[in-house]
């Protein structure tokens, strides 16, 4: 009987630990149309995201490029035509940090989101 009670106590503890009411809710990056304003190579860049689509646009140095957002475990990989000046880009699930991987170096910059009317 003690083993059963101990098992139920352990199971209950595991269930309760798995329920974290304080954890922030993260919505899908495409849950609303938005513009993410970030810095890339010291210059302003914008990522335009349309509600319900992982197709997006990257505006950088006066040029607009079509990109795709690929959802990975805890970030979105930005799929685009390779540009050696940009390298590889990814954005965190919250949409507030842009990570640039270029020439083996990783640089993280903060992004601001502006929600667009859709």
PDB file of N, CA and C in Angstrom:
ATOM      1  N   UNK A   1       0.811  -1.186   0.000  1.00  0.00           N
ATOM      2  CA  UNK A   1       0.000   0.000   0.000  1.00  0.00           C
ATOM      3  C   UNK A   1       0.864   1.265   0.000  1.00  0.00           C
ATOM      4  N   UNK A   2       1.987   1.219   0.770  1.00  0.00           N
ATOM      5  CA  UNK A   2       2.877   2.374   0.819  1.00  0.00           C
ATOM      6  C   UNK A   2       3.506   2.636  -0.543  1.00  0.00           C
ATOM      7  N   UNK A   3       3.832   1.582  -1.264  1.00  0.00           N
ATOM      8  CA  UNK A   3       4.428   1.741  -2.588  1.00  0.00           C
ATOM      9  C   UNK A   3       3.445   2.423  -3.531  1.00  0.00           C
ATOM     10  N   UNK A   4       2.204   2.043  -3.439  1.00  0.00           N
ATOM     11  CA  UNK A   4       1.174   2.637  -4.298  1.00  0.00           C
ATOM     12  C   UNK A   4       1.011   4.125  -3.976  1.00  0.00           C
ATOM     13  N   UNK A   5       0.980   4.472  -2.704  1.00  0.00           N
ATOM     14  CA  UNK A   5       0.847   5.862  -2.280  1.00  0.00           C
ATOM     15  C   UNK A   5       2.055   6.674  -2.730  1.00  0.00           C
ATOM     16  N   UNK A   6       3.229   6.106  -2.578  1.00  0.00           N
ATOM     17  CA  UNK A   6       4.444   6.788  -3.017  1.00  0.00           C
ATOM     18  C   UNK A   6       4.427   7.001  -4.525  1.00  0.00           C
ATOM     19  N   UNK A   7       4.002   6.000  -5.272  1.00  0.00           N
ATOM     20  CA  UNK A   7       3.919   6.103  -6.728  1.00  0.00           C
ATOM     21  C   UNK A   7       2.946   7.207  -7.136  1.00  0.00           C
ATOM     22  N   UNK A   8       1.791   7.264  -6.487  1.00  0.00           N
ATOM     23  CA  UNK A   8       0.796   8.296  -6.798  1.00  0.00           C
ATOM     24  C   UNK A   8       1.344   9.677  -6.443  1.00  0.00           C
ATOM     25  N   UNK A   9       2.054   9.799  -5.337  1.00  0.00           N
ATOM     26  CA  UNK A   9       2.652  11.078  -4.939  1.00  0.00           C
ATOM     27  C   UNK A   9       3.681  11.550  -5.958  1.00  0.00           C
ATOM     28  N   UNK A  10       4.530  10.632  -6.404  1.00  0.00           N
ATOM     29  CA  UNK A  10       5.545  10.975  -7.407  1.00  0.00           C
ATOM     30  C   UNK A  10       4.872  11.375  -8.713  1.00  0.00           C
ATOM     31  N   UNK A  11       3.871  10.633  -9.140  1.00  0.00           N
ATOM     32  CA  UNK A  11       3.152  10.935 -10.370  1.00  0.00           C
ATOM     33  C   UNK A  11       2.478  12.298 -10.286  1.00  0.00           C
ATOM     34  N   UNK A  12       1.846  12.599  -9.171  1.00  0.00           N
ATOM     35  CA  UNK A  12       1.195  13.884  -8.963  1.00  0.00           C
ATOM     36  C   UNK A  12       2.218  15.018  -8.993  1.00  0.00           C
ATOM     37  N   UNK A  13       3.370  14.815  -8.371  1.00  0.00           N
ATOM     38  CA  UNK A  13       4.426  15.834  -8.379  1.00  0.00           C
ATOM     39  C   UNK A  13       4.909  16.103  -9.796  1.00  0.00           C
ATOM     40  N   UNK A  14       5.073  15.049 -10.596  1.00  0.00           N
ATOM     41  CA  UNK A  14       5.501  15.222 -11.981  1.00  0.00           C
ATOM     42  C   UNK A  14       4.476  15.990 -12.799  1.00  0.00           C
ATOM     43  N   UNK A  15       3.217  15.690 -12.599  1.00  0.00           N
ATOM     44  CA  UNK A  15       2.150  16.384 -13.322  1.00  0.00           C
ATOM     45  C   UNK A  15       2.121  17.850 -12.936  1.00  0.00           C
ATOM     46  N   UNK A  16       2.212  18.141 -11.641  1.00  0.00           N
ATOM     47  CA  UNK A  16       2.166  19.521 -11.190  1.00  0.00           C
ATOM     48  C   UNK A  16       3.390  20.316 -11.628  1.00  0.00           C
ATOM     49  N   UNK A  17       4.546  19.697 -11.667  1.00  0.00           N
ATOM     50  CA  UNK A  17       5.754  20.382 -12.136  1.00  0.00           C
ATOM     51  C   UNK A  17       5.658  20.702 -13.619  1.00  0.00           C
ATOM     52  N   UNK A  18       4.954  19.875 -14.361  1.00  0.00           N
ATOM     53  CA  UNK A  18       4.804  20.104 -15.796  1.00  0.00           C
ATOM     54  C   UNK A  18       3.864  21.238 -16.114  1.00  0.00           C
ATOM     55  N   UNK A  19       3.067  21.681 -15.149  1.00  0.00           N
ATOM     56  CA  UNK A  19       2.108  22.763 -15.361  1.00  0.00           C
ATOM     57  C   UNK A  19       2.698  24.050 -14.805  1.00  0.00           C
ATOM     58  N   UNK A  20       3.290  24.856 -15.631  1.00  0.00           N
ATOM     59  CA  UNK A  20       3.906  26.099 -15.194  1.00  0.00           C
ATOM     60  C   UNK A  20       3.035  27.266 -15.642  1.00  0.00           C
ATOM     61  N   UNK A  21       2.217  27.769 -14.744  1.00  0.00           N
ATOM     62  CA  UNK A  21       1.312  28.867 -15.072  1.00  0.00           C
ATOM     63  C   UNK A  21       2.072  30.166 -15.334  1.00  0.00           C
ATOM     64  N   UNK A  22       3.303  30.267 -14.852  1.00  0.00           N
ATOM     65  CA  UNK A  22       4.084  31.481 -15.028  1.00  0.00           C
ATOM     66  C   UNK A  22       4.809  31.534 -16.368  1.00  0.00           C
ATOM     67  N   UNK A  23       4.887  30.424 -17.077  1.00  0.00           N
ATOM     68  CA  UNK A  23       5.603  30.399 -18.349  1.00  0.00           C
ATOM     69  C   UNK A  23       4.885  31.269 -19.371  1.00  0.00           C
ATOM     70  N   UNK A  24       5.635  32.069 -20.134  1.00  0.00           N
ATOM     71  CA  UNK A  24       4.993  32.930 -21.126  1.00  0.00           C
ATOM     72  C   UNK A  24       4.390  32.096 -22.249  1.00  0.00           C
ATOM     73  N   UNK A  25       3.222  32.530 -22.713  1.00  0.00           N
ATOM     74  CA  UNK A  25       2.596  31.861 -23.841  1.00  0.00           C
ATOM     75  C   UNK A  25       3.230  32.406 -25.105  1.00  0.00           C
ATOM     76  N   UNK A  26       3.678  31.516 -25.954  1.00  0.00           N
ATOM     77  CA  UNK A  26       4.305  31.926 -27.206  1.00  0.00           C
ATOM     78  C   UNK A  26       3.369  31.555 -28.342  1.00  0.00           C
ATOM     79  N   UNK A  27       2.898  32.573 -29.050  1.00  0.00           N
ATOM     80  CA  UNK A  27       2.045  32.346 -30.209  1.00  0.00           C
ATOM     81  C   UNK A  27       2.933  32.107 -31.420  1.00  0.00           C
ATOM     82  N   UNK A  28       2.353  31.487 -32.421  1.00  0.00           N
ATOM     83  CA  UNK A  28       3.087  31.295 -33.675  1.00  0.00           C
ATOM     84  C   UNK A  28       3.451  32.663 -34.246  1.00  0.00           C
ATOM     85  N   UNK A  29       4.613  32.743 -34.860  1.00  0.00           N
ATOM     86  CA  UNK A  29       5.095  34.022 -35.375  1.00  0.00           C
ATOM     87  C   UNK A  29       4.142  34.602 -36.421  1.00  0.00           C
ATOM     88  N   UNK A  30       3.371  33.735 -37.087  1.00  0.00           N
ATOM     89  CA  UNK A  30       2.439  34.193 -38.114  1.00  0.00           C
ATOM     90  C   UNK A  30       1.007  34.329 -37.591  1.00  0.00           C
ATOM     91  N   UNK A  31       0.841  34.435 -36.268  1.00  0.00           N
ATOM     92  CA  UNK A  31      -0.498  34.560 -35.700  1.00  0.00           C
ATOM     93  C   UNK A  31      -1.111  35.922 -35.992  1.00  0.00           C
ATOM     94  N   UNK A  32      -0.282  36.916 -36.275  1.00  0.00           N
ATOM     95  CA  UNK A  32      -0.722  38.260 -36.637  1.00  0.00           C
ATOM     96  C   UNK A  32       0.218  38.807 -37.702  1.00  0.00           C
ATOM     97  N   UNK A  33      -0.304  39.696 -38.553  1.00  0.00           N
ATOM     98  CA  UNK A  33       0.572  40.384 -39.499  1.00  0.00           C
ATOM     99  C   UNK A  33       1.427  41.364 -38.705  1.00  0.00           C
ATOM    100  N   UNK A  34       2.725  41.357 -38.978  1.00  0.00           N
ATOM    101  CA  UNK A  34       3.626  42.214 -38.212  1.00  0.00           C
ATOM    102  C   UNK A  34       4.863  42.549 -39.013  1.00  0.00           C
ATOM    103  N   UNK A  35       5.531  43.586 -38.563  1.00  0.00           N
ATOM    104  CA  UNK A  35       6.824  43.974 -39.110  1.00  0.00           C
ATOM    105  C   UNK A  35       7.827  43.918 -37.966  1.00  0.00           C
ATOM    106  N   UNK A  36       8.864  43.116 -38.139  1.00  0.00           N
ATOM    107  CA  UNK A  36       9.932  43.039 -37.147  1.00  0.00           C
ATOM    108  C   UNK A  36      11.061  43.954 -37.612  1.00  0.00           C
ATOM    109  N   UNK A  37      11.401  44.931 -36.806  1.00  0.00           N
ATOM    110  CA  UNK A  37      12.490  45.858 -37.129  1.00  0.00           C
ATOM    111  C   UNK A  37      13.710  45.456 -36.326  1.00  0.00           C
ATOM    112  N   UNK A  38      14.783  45.132 -37.037  1.00  0.00           N
ATOM    113  CA  UNK A  38      16.013  44.635 -36.418  1.00  0.00           C
ATOM    114  C   UNK A  38      17.205  45.385 -36.999  1.00  0.00           C
ATOM    115  N   UNK A  39      18.379  45.057 -36.516  1.00  0.00           N
ATOM    116  CA  UNK A  39      19.624  45.593 -37.063  1.00  0.00           C
ATOM    117  C   UNK A  39      20.418  44.431 -37.644  1.00  0.00           C
ATOM    118  N   UNK A  40      20.912  44.630 -38.852  1.00  0.00           N
ATOM    119  CA  UNK A  40      21.680  43.607 -39.551  1.00  0.00           C
ATOM    120  C   UNK A  40      22.935  44.262 -40.107  1.00  0.00           C
ATOM    121  N   UNK A  41      24.098  43.817 -39.681  1.00  0.00           N
ATOM    122  CA  UNK A  41      25.378  44.422 -40.082  1.00  0.00           C
ATOM    123  C   UNK A  41      25.416  45.917 -39.770  1.00  0.00           C
ATOM    124  N   UNK A  42      24.780  46.311 -38.677  1.00  0.00           N
ATOM    125  CA  UNK A  42      24.762  47.714 -38.279  1.00  0.00           C
ATOM    126  C   UNK A  42      23.751  48.563 -39.019  1.00  0.00           C
ATOM    127  N   UNK A  43      22.991  47.980 -39.927  1.00  0.00           N
ATOM    128  CA  UNK A  43      21.996  48.711 -40.712  1.00  0.00           C
ATOM    129  C   UNK A  43      20.593  48.224 -40.365  1.00  0.00           C
ATOM    130  N   UNK A  44      19.596  49.091 -40.521  1.00  0.00           N
ATOM    131  CA  UNK A  44      18.235  48.653 -40.226  1.00  0.00           C
ATOM    132  C   UNK A  44      17.751  47.595 -41.220  1.00  0.00           C
ATOM    133  N   UNK A  45      16.982  46.654 -40.715  1.00  0.00           N
ATOM    134  CA  UNK A  45      16.377  45.611 -41.545  1.00  0.00           C
ATOM    135  C   UNK A  45      14.971  45.373 -41.018  1.00  0.00           C
ATOM    136  N   UNK A  46      14.091  44.974 -41.913  1.00  0.00           N
ATOM    137  CA  UNK A  46      12.725  44.666 -41.529  1.00  0.00           C
ATOM    138  C   UNK A  46      12.335  43.312 -42.091  1.00  0.00           C
ATOM    139  N   UNK A  47      11.590  42.572 -41.292  1.00  0.00           N
ATOM    140  CA  UNK A  47      11.023  41.301 -41.731  1.00  0.00           C
ATOM    141  C   UNK A  47       9.511  41.472 -41.682  1.00  0.00           C
ATOM    142  N   UNK A  48       8.879  41.395 -42.842  1.00  0.00           N
ATOM    143  CA  UNK A  48       7.435  41.597 -42.954  1.00  0.00           C
ATOM    144  C   UNK A  48       6.759  40.236 -42.969  1.00  0.00           C
ATOM    145  N   UNK A  49       5.904  39.985 -41.988  1.00  0.00           N
ATOM    146  CA  UNK A  49       5.242  38.689 -41.838  1.00  0.00           C
ATOM    147  C   UNK A  49       3.742  38.882 -41.992  1.00  0.00           C
ATOM    148  N   UNK A  50       3.130  38.064 -42.833  1.00  0.00           N
ATOM    149  CA  UNK A  50       1.692  38.129 -43.054  1.00  0.00           C
ATOM    150  C   UNK A  50       1.002  37.063 -42.219  1.00  0.00           C
ATOM    151  N   UNK A  51      -0.121  37.435 -41.630  1.00  0.00           N
ATOM    152  CA  UNK A  51      -0.884  36.509 -40.795  1.00  0.00           C
ATOM    153  C   UNK A  51      -1.212  35.236 -41.569  1.00  0.00           C
ATOM    154  N   UNK A  52      -0.936  34.102 -40.937  1.00  0.00           N
ATOM    155  CA  UNK A  52      -1.283  32.813 -41.517  1.00  0.00           C
ATOM    156  C   UNK A  52      -0.322  32.306 -42.571  1.00  0.00           C
ATOM    157  N   UNK A  53       0.835  32.966 -42.724  1.00  0.00           N
ATOM    158  CA  UNK A  53       1.789  32.535 -43.748  1.00  0.00           C
ATOM    159  C   UNK A  53       3.205  32.571 -43.201  1.00  0.00           C
ATOM    160  N   UNK A  54       3.974  31.565 -43.544  1.00  0.00           N
ATOM    161  CA  UNK A  54       5.394  31.562 -43.179  1.00  0.00           C
ATOM    162  C   UNK A  54       6.245  32.069 -44.344  1.00  0.00           C
ATOM    163  N   UNK A  55       5.595  32.606 -45.370  1.00  0.00           N
ATOM    164  CA  UNK A  55       6.288  33.349 -46.420  1.00  0.00           C
ATOM    165  C   UNK A  55       6.409  34.779 -45.897  1.00  0.00           C
ATOM    166  N   UNK A  56       7.571  35.376 -46.039  1.00  0.00           N
ATOM    167  CA  UNK A  56       7.792  36.720 -45.513  1.00  0.00           C
ATOM    168  C   UNK A  56       8.671  37.498 -46.484  1.00  0.00           C
ATOM    169  N   UNK A  57       8.922  38.746 -46.158  1.00  0.00           N
ATOM    170  CA  UNK A  57       9.818  39.586 -46.946  1.00  0.00           C
ATOM    171  C   UNK A  57      10.871  40.175 -46.022  1.00  0.00           C
ATOM    172  N   UNK A  58      12.095  40.243 -46.521  1.00  0.00           N
ATOM    173  CA  UNK A  58      13.199  40.870 -45.800  1.00  0.00           C
ATOM    174  C   UNK A  58      13.565  42.133 -46.556  1.00  0.00           C
ATOM    175  N   UNK A  59      13.469  43.269 -45.881  1.00  0.00           N
ATOM    176  CA  UNK A  59      13.847  44.550 -46.477  1.00  0.00           C
ATOM    177  C   UNK A  59      15.159  44.966 -45.828  1.00  0.00           C
ATOM    178  N   UNK A  60      16.199  45.073 -46.680  1.00  0.00           N
ATOM    179  CA  UNK A  60      17.537  45.384 -46.173  1.00  0.00           C
ATOM    180  C   UNK A  60      18.294  46.138 -47.252  1.00  0.00           C
ATOM    181  N   UNK A  61      18.888  47.262 -46.876  1.00  0.00           N
ATOM    182  CA  UNK A  61      19.641  48.123 -47.788  1.00  0.00           C
ATOM    183  C   UNK A  61      18.827  48.487 -49.029  1.00  0.00           C
ATOM    184  N   UNK A  62      17.565  48.814 -48.810  1.00  0.00           N
ATOM    185  CA  UNK A  62      16.702  49.264 -49.895  1.00  0.00           C
ATOM    186  C   UNK A  62      16.198  48.168 -50.823  1.00  0.00           C
ATOM    187  N   UNK A  63      16.540  46.919 -50.538  1.00  0.00           N
ATOM    188  CA  UNK A  63      16.096  45.798 -51.372  1.00  0.00           C
ATOM    189  C   UNK A  63      15.130  44.926 -50.577  1.00  0.00           C
ATOM    190  N   UNK A  64      14.115  44.427 -51.280  1.00  0.00           N
ATOM    191  CA  UNK A  64      13.167  43.510 -50.656  1.00  0.00           C
ATOM    192  C   UNK A  64      13.368  42.123 -51.241  1.00  0.00           C
ATOM    193  N   UNK A  65      13.553  41.149 -50.364  1.00  0.00           N
ATOM    194  CA  UNK A  65      13.759  39.761 -50.785  1.00  0.00           C
ATOM    195  C   UNK A  65      12.665  38.896 -50.181  1.00  0.00           C
ATOM    196  N   UNK A  66      12.174  37.959 -50.957  1.00  0.00           N
ATOM    197  CA  UNK A  66      11.204  36.995 -50.454  1.00  0.00           C
ATOM    198  C   UNK A  66      11.964  35.933 -49.662  1.00  0.00           C
ATOM    199  N   UNK A  67      11.471  35.615 -48.478  1.00  0.00           N
ATOM    200  CA  UNK A  67      12.088  34.611 -47.623  1.00  0.00           C
ATOM    201  C   UNK A  67      10.986  33.692 -47.090  1.00  0.00           C
ATOM    202  N   UNK A  68      11.396  32.582 -46.543  1.00  0.00           N
ATOM    203  CA  UNK A  68      10.477  31.652 -45.887  1.00  0.00           C
ATOM    204  C   UNK A  68      10.953  31.440 -44.467  1.00  0.00           C
ATOM    205  N   UNK A  69      10.004  31.228 -43.570  1.00  0.00           N
ATOM    206  CA  UNK A  69      10.324  30.948 -42.176  1.00  0.00           C
ATOM    207  C   UNK A  69      10.073  29.471 -41.929  1.00  0.00           C
ATOM    208  N   UNK A  70      11.097  28.768 -41.518  1.00  0.00           N
ATOM    209  CA  UNK A  70      11.000  27.344 -41.221  1.00  0.00           C
ATOM    210  C   UNK A  70      11.021  27.173 -39.714  1.00  0.00           C
ATOM    211  N   UNK A  71       9.938  26.637 -39.163  1.00  0.00           N
ATOM    212  CA  UNK A  71       9.854  26.470 -37.721  1.00  0.00           C
ATOM    213  C   UNK A  71      10.722  25.296 -37.280  1.00  0.00           C
ATOM    214  N   UNK A  72      11.644  25.590 -36.382  1.00  0.00           N
ATOM    215  CA  UNK A  72      12.517  24.587 -35.788  1.00  0.00           C
ATOM    216  C   UNK A  72      12.149  24.556 -34.297  1.00  0.00           C
ATOM    217  N   UNK A  73      12.775  23.740 -33.522  1.00  0.00           N
ATOM    218  CA  UNK A  73      12.396  23.523 -32.120  1.00  0.00           C
ATOM    219  C   UNK A  73      12.075  24.822 -31.367  1.00  0.00           C
ATOM    220  N   UNK A  74      13.031  25.722 -31.238  1.00  0.00           N
ATOM    221  CA  UNK A  74      12.791  26.935 -30.461  1.00  0.00           C
ATOM    222  C   UNK A  74      13.119  28.220 -31.226  1.00  0.00           C
ATOM    223  N   UNK A  75      13.126  28.144 -32.555  1.00  0.00           N
ATOM    224  CA  UNK A  75      13.366  29.329 -33.373  1.00  0.00           C
ATOM    225  C   UNK A  75      12.806  29.115 -34.773  1.00  0.00           C
ATOM    226  N   UNK A  76      12.849  30.155 -35.572  1.00  0.00           N
ATOM    227  CA  UNK A  76      12.475  30.077 -36.985  1.00  0.00           C
ATOM    228  C   UNK A  76      13.728  30.350 -37.819  1.00  0.00           C
ATOM    229  N   UNK A  77      14.088  29.412 -38.659  1.00  0.00           N
ATOM    230  CA  UNK A  77      15.196  29.602 -39.591  1.00  0.00           C
ATOM    231  C   UNK A  77      14.659  30.435 -40.749  1.00  0.00           C
ATOM    232  N   UNK A  78      15.395  31.453 -41.152  1.00  0.00           N
ATOM    233  CA  UNK A  78      14.983  32.278 -42.283  1.00  0.00           C
ATOM    234  C   UNK A  78      15.665  31.708 -43.520  1.00  0.00           C
ATOM    235  N   UNK A  79      14.852  31.132 -44.404  1.00  0.00           N
ATOM    236  CA  UNK A  79      15.366  30.533 -45.628  1.00  0.00           C
ATOM    237  C   UNK A  79      15.334  31.581 -46.731  1.00  0.00           C
ATOM    238  N   UNK A  80      16.471  31.810 -47.348  1.00  0.00           N
ATOM    239  CA  UNK A  80      16.582  32.831 -48.384  1.00  0.00           C
ATOM    240  C   UNK A  80      17.754  32.514 -49.299  1.00  0.00           C
ATOM    241  N   UNK A  81      17.804  33.207 -50.405  1.00  0.00           N
ATOM    242  CA  UNK A  81      18.942  33.068 -51.310  1.00  0.00           C
ATOM    243  C   UNK A  81      20.192  33.507 -50.553  1.00  0.00           C
ATOM    244  N   UNK A  82      21.257  32.721 -50.638  1.00  0.00           N
ATOM    245  CA  UNK A  82      22.457  33.011 -49.858  1.00  0.00           C
ATOM    246  C   UNK A  82      23.085  34.335 -50.279  1.00  0.00           C
ATOM    247  N   UNK A  83      23.402  35.135 -49.298  1.00  0.00           N
ATOM    248  CA  UNK A  83      24.093  36.406 -49.500  1.00  0.00           C
ATOM    249  C   UNK A  83      25.278  36.409 -48.531  1.00  0.00           C
ATOM    250  N   UNK A  84      26.525  36.448 -49.036  1.00  0.00           N
ATOM    251  CA  UNK A  84      27.685  36.385 -48.135  1.00  0.00           C
ATOM    252  C   UNK A  84      27.761  37.557 -47.155  1.00  0.00           C
ATOM    253  N   UNK A  85      27.122  38.690 -47.496  1.00  0.00           N
ATOM    254  CA  UNK A  85      27.115  39.837 -46.587  1.00  0.00           C
ATOM    255  C   UNK A  85      26.161  39.629 -45.415  1.00  0.00           C
ATOM    256  N   UNK A  86      25.176  38.740 -45.604  1.00  0.00           N
ATOM    257  CA  UNK A  86      24.184  38.482 -44.558  1.00  0.00           C
ATOM    258  C   UNK A  86      24.471  37.175 -43.837  1.00  0.00           C
ATOM    259  N   UNK A  87      24.776  36.123 -44.568  1.00  0.00           N
ATOM    260  CA  UNK A  87      24.987  34.808 -43.964  1.00  0.00           C
ATOM    261  C   UNK A  87      23.659  34.127 -43.717  1.00  0.00           C
ATOM    262  N   UNK A  88      23.559  33.426 -42.601  1.00  0.00           N
ATOM    263  CA  UNK A  88      22.319  32.734 -42.239  1.00  0.00           C
ATOM    264  C   UNK A  88      21.630  33.492 -41.119  1.00  0.00           C
ATOM    265  N   UNK A  89      20.301  33.499 -41.168  1.00  0.00           N
ATOM    266  CA  UNK A  89      19.523  34.225 -40.170  1.00  0.00           C
ATOM    267  C   UNK A  89      18.501  33.305 -39.517  1.00  0.00           C
ATOM    268  N   UNK A  90      18.247  33.577 -38.246  1.00  0.00           N
ATOM    269  CA  UNK A  90      17.144  32.903 -37.559  1.00  0.00           C
ATOM    270  C   UNK A  90      16.559  33.883 -36.562  1.00  0.00           C
ATOM    271  N   UNK A  91      15.293  33.677 -36.248  1.00  0.00           N
ATOM    272  CA  UNK A  91      14.589  34.543 -35.307  1.00  0.00           C
ATOM    273  C   UNK A  91      14.012  33.668 -34.200  1.00  0.00           C
ATOM    274  N   UNK A  92      14.072  34.140 -32.969  1.00  0.00           N
ATOM    275  CA  UNK A  92      13.556  33.321 -31.869  1.00  0.00           C
ATOM    276  C   UNK A  92      12.031  33.262 -31.930  1.00  0.00           C
ATOM    277  N   UNK A  93      11.446  32.336 -31.189  1.00  0.00           N
ATOM    278  CA  UNK A  93       9.988  32.115 -31.219  1.00  0.00           C
ATOM    279  C   UNK A  93       9.207  33.360 -30.811  1.00  0.00           C
ATOM    280  N   UNK A  94       9.749  34.152 -29.914  1.00  0.00           N
ATOM    281  CA  UNK A  94       9.057  35.363 -29.469  1.00  0.00           C
ATOM    282  C   UNK A  94       9.106  36.456 -30.530  1.00  0.00           C
ATOM    283  N   UNK A  95      10.043  36.342 -31.474  1.00  0.00           N
ATOM    284  CA  UNK A  95      10.169  37.343 -32.528  1.00  0.00           C
ATOM    285  C   UNK A  95      10.888  38.603 -32.082  1.00  0.00           C
ATOM    286  N   UNK A  96      11.643  38.513 -30.991  1.00  0.00           N
ATOM    287  CA  UNK A  96      12.318  39.715 -30.494  1.00  0.00           C
ATOM    288  C   UNK A  96      13.843  39.642 -30.565  1.00  0.00           C
ATOM    289  N   UNK A  97      14.390  38.551 -31.130  1.00  0.00           N
ATOM    290  CA  UNK A  97      15.845  38.442 -31.310  1.00  0.00           C
ATOM    291  C   UNK A  97      16.160  37.836 -32.670  1.00  0.00           C
ATOM    292  N   UNK A  98      17.026  38.505 -33.387  1.00  0.00           N
ATOM    293  CA  UNK A  98      17.510  38.020 -34.674  1.00  0.00           C
ATOM    294  C   UNK A  98      18.942  37.535 -34.473  1.00  0.00           C
ATOM    295  N   UNK A  99      19.218  36.328 -34.927  1.00  0.00           N
ATOM    296  CA  UNK A  99      20.569  35.778 -34.832  1.00  0.00           C
ATOM    297  C   UNK A  99      21.140  35.677 -36.238  1.00  0.00           C
ATOM    298  N   UNK A 100      22.334  36.220 -36.402  1.00  0.00           N
ATOM    299  CA  UNK A 100      23.032  36.197 -37.690  1.00  0.00           C
ATOM    300  C   UNK A 100      24.280  35.334 -37.530  1.00  0.00           C
ATOM    301  N   UNK A 101      24.409  34.347 -38.413  1.00  0.00           N
ATOM    302  CA  UNK A 101      25.598  33.507 -38.432  1.00  0.00           C
ATOM    303  C   UNK A 101      26.327  33.800 -39.735  1.00  0.00           C
ATOM    304  N   UNK A 102      27.493  34.432 -39.611  1.00  0.00           N
ATOM    305  CA  UNK A 102      28.263  34.837 -40.790  1.00  0.00           C
ATOM    306  C   UNK A 102      29.734  34.591 -40.514  1.00  0.00           C
ATOM    307  N   UNK A 103      30.383  33.885 -41.421  1.00  0.00           N
ATOM    308  CA  UNK A 103      31.815  33.587 -41.309  1.00  0.00           C
ATOM    309  C   UNK A 103      32.153  32.932 -39.971  1.00  0.00           C
ATOM    310  N   UNK A 104      31.291  32.057 -39.502  1.00  0.00           N
ATOM    311  CA  UNK A 104      31.538  31.334 -38.260  1.00  0.00           C
ATOM    312  C   UNK A 104      31.265  32.123 -36.991  1.00  0.00           C
ATOM    313  N   UNK A 105      30.845  33.380 -37.134  1.00  0.00           N
ATOM    314  CA  UNK A 105      30.538  34.211 -35.967  1.00  0.00           C
ATOM    315  C   UNK A 105      29.039  34.383 -35.829  1.00  0.00           C
ATOM    316  N   UNK A 106      28.562  34.341 -34.604  1.00  0.00           N
ATOM    317  CA  UNK A 106      27.140  34.500 -34.326  1.00  0.00           C
ATOM    318  C   UNK A 106      26.914  35.843 -33.642  1.00  0.00           C
ATOM    319  N   UNK A 107      25.953  36.605 -34.172  1.00  0.00           N
ATOM    320  CA  UNK A 107      25.630  37.901 -33.588  1.00  0.00           C
ATOM    321  C   UNK A 107      24.123  37.953 -33.355  1.00  0.00           C
ATOM    322  N   UNK A 108      23.732  38.328 -32.143  1.00  0.00           N
ATOM    323  CA  UNK A 108      22.323  38.412 -31.779  1.00  0.00           C
ATOM    324  C   UNK A 108      21.954  39.876 -31.582  1.00  0.00           C
ATOM    325  N   UNK A 109      20.874  40.305 -32.256  1.00  0.00           N
ATOM    326  CA  UNK A 109      20.376  41.669 -32.102  1.00  0.00           C
ATOM    327  C   UNK A 109      18.906  41.626 -31.698  1.00  0.00           C
ATOM    328  N   UNK A 110      18.473  42.686 -31.069  1.00  0.00           N
ATOM    329  CA  UNK A 110      17.094  42.802 -30.615  1.00  0.00           C
ATOM    330  C   UNK A 110      16.215  43.314 -31.745  1.00  0.00           C
ATOM    331  N   UNK A 111      14.995  42.814 -31.789  1.00  0.00           N
ATOM    332  CA  UNK A 111      14.001  43.245 -32.778  1.00  0.00           C
ATOM    333  C   UNK A 111      12.798  43.837 -32.054  1.00  0.00           C
ATOM    334  N   UNK A 112      12.169  44.783 -32.708  1.00  0.00           N
ATOM    335  CA  UNK A 112      10.924  45.371 -32.208  1.00  0.00           C
ATOM    336  C   UNK A 112       9.824  44.970 -33.173  1.00  0.00           C
ATOM    337  N   UNK A 113       8.671  44.567 -32.633  1.00  0.00           N
ATOM    338  CA  UNK A 113       7.554  44.156 -33.464  1.00  0.00           C
ATOM    339  C   UNK A 113       6.514  45.274 -33.541  1.00  0.00           C
ATOM    340  N   UNK A 114       6.050  45.534 -34.743  1.00  0.00           N
ATOM    341  CA  UNK A 114       4.952  46.467 -34.970  1.00  0.00           C
ATOM    342  C   UNK A 114       3.840  45.657 -35.620  1.00  0.00           C
ATOM    343  N   UNK A 115       2.696  45.583 -34.964  1.00  0.00           N
ATOM    344  CA  UNK A 115       1.593  44.782 -35.473  1.00  0.00           C
ATOM    345  C   UNK A 115       0.813  45.579 -36.501  1.00  0.00           C
ATOM    346  N   UNK A 116       0.570  44.944 -37.646  1.00  0.00           N
ATOM    347  CA  UNK A 116      -0.141  45.583 -38.754  1.00  0.00           C
ATOM    348  C   UNK A 116      -1.600  45.173 -38.729  1.00  0.00           C
ATOM    349  N   UNK A 117      -2.450  46.045 -39.216  1.00  0.00           N
ATOM    350  CA  UNK A 117      -3.861  45.685 -39.341  1.00  0.00           C
ATOM    351  C   UNK A 117      -4.008  44.743 -40.527  1.00  0.00           C
ATOM    352  N   UNK A 118      -4.780  43.666 -40.325  1.00  0.00           N
ATOM    353  CA  UNK A 118      -4.957  42.720 -41.441  1.00  0.00           C
ATOM    354  C   UNK A 118      -6.393  42.605 -41.832  1.00  0.00           C
TER     355      UNK A 118
END
